[in-house]
């Protein structure tokens, strides 16, 4: 029996973590070792299956959906919703990244449990998040996509709200004083739910409109993309539908100015929550742009492209300047994500194969690099009991191995050549020089290219600022009586794959482009005529 050809392999990748979560619920809370080993085993099996899938993937046909021909069945017959999952060259790297990050956060958490100590509930949330994340990347039906897209909301809300920072934060509008974890989790929930409401309305509008052209209404992303390529969705209808989906995906990215939930969520979240949020959850929004918005509404994508590009470069500059104003290490890394996702969105806004390829490798690189940065920031906070960079000087003296890892991750984040972060930024800027001709705003995009290039300089500035304040100099007398343990075994195991991936993709970007290039070219040709 071929597990992948009949769809079972892909189904296991998606749903095995959810099954594992159910198993964890049946294990008594007191049996902590059993809980950890079951969660780790489930995550490793899911990761192994995704690697096997990547090996089995037909890269010569990366633009076609694979491993899903046997699992396109009617799910909710009354509304013609299908259970249809499959992967192509665009989704494959993100599925592997998602399963990898899930396994690594479980390994890292082995000796790093946040308070209150409840490994059972925390691991259940991690596994439910894993199903939601991988499911989003493989769903080919809008109802299924929306379900997976929203599954991640509640686990992350509770993860921040239960295990988050207990500092006090005043709510600006109402003047209430809430614990930081409650404020951040509520803000995350409200912003995401706000965007999702508009996205759902747009999905319903497409469903009802599709019936005029197909004879029956459909939520199929493939069929809707065919209608989009044929120019069926036009006028005010297309504008409003694009607006609704844009709001839903932009909040998740997050794009400026709907980004404000992100720094608070990252700052308040426990370490593994910050890693999952940065490495995977932000990619659900950018993936939605590539998988749904561009192919289903290509004419509106052309009209909106200069506006999206403008918001992207504002995010790049704003995020960089905000980083320079931070004293909290995690908050600086959080704001850096606003800038990095700005480069991803700039690549998407060009509507070219080079730009969209840049966006996808940028997503993967950001997941590896920023995931590593949040891991290191969490471990340093665990040892120093502070994230205030004004107190953290001299880390190279106290913990030299961790200092070196922080330096490599920072250099990768600022886009140093031969490291993974370089390709997304470089190619996003390159694609801005020659955006899709149909946009008719070449001069505008070349202006965006210049502004984005300035953003790379600012990125180098704030990363070097962080390294100077954290790594260099002599340790404060505050730490003279403290004994610091450098990188531990579980930390090495959790961080090594991220470090290796950052180096490997930096030197051999074909690791990602080998899967994405043909799929992206096919998307651009079909949606925009080449």
Foldseek 3Di string as FASTA:
>chain_A
DDCQQLLNLLVLLQCLLLVLLVVLVVDDQVPVVVNLVSLLVSLVVSLVSLVVCVVVDDLVPLQDWGSWPNQWAQDPVVLRFTFTWTHGLLLSLQSNLLSLLLNLLSLLCPPPAFPPRGSSLLSSLSSQLSNLQNQLSTGQFQVSNLVSLCSNLVSLLVQLQHRWAQPWDADVPPRDIHGLSNVLSVLSNVQLVVLSVLLVVLLVLQQVQVCVPPVHGGRGQVVLLLCLLVVVDDDPNLVSSLVSLLSNLCCQLPFPPNPVSQLSSQNTGALSSNLCSFQTRSVSSLVCCQSHVCSNHVVVLLQCLLVQLVRLLVQLVVLLVVLQVDQFQRSSLRSLSSNLSSLLSLLVSLLDLLSPLLNSLSSNLRSLLSSLSSSLLNVVCVQVVGRGLQQQAACCVQAVVSLVSLVLSLCLSLQPALFSNVRSLVSSLVSLCPGDVSSVPNVSSPVSSVSSVVSSVSSNVSSVVSSRSHHHDHHDPVCVPPHDDYDDPSNCVSNVVSSVVRNCCSNVVCVSCSRRNVSSNVSSCSNPVD
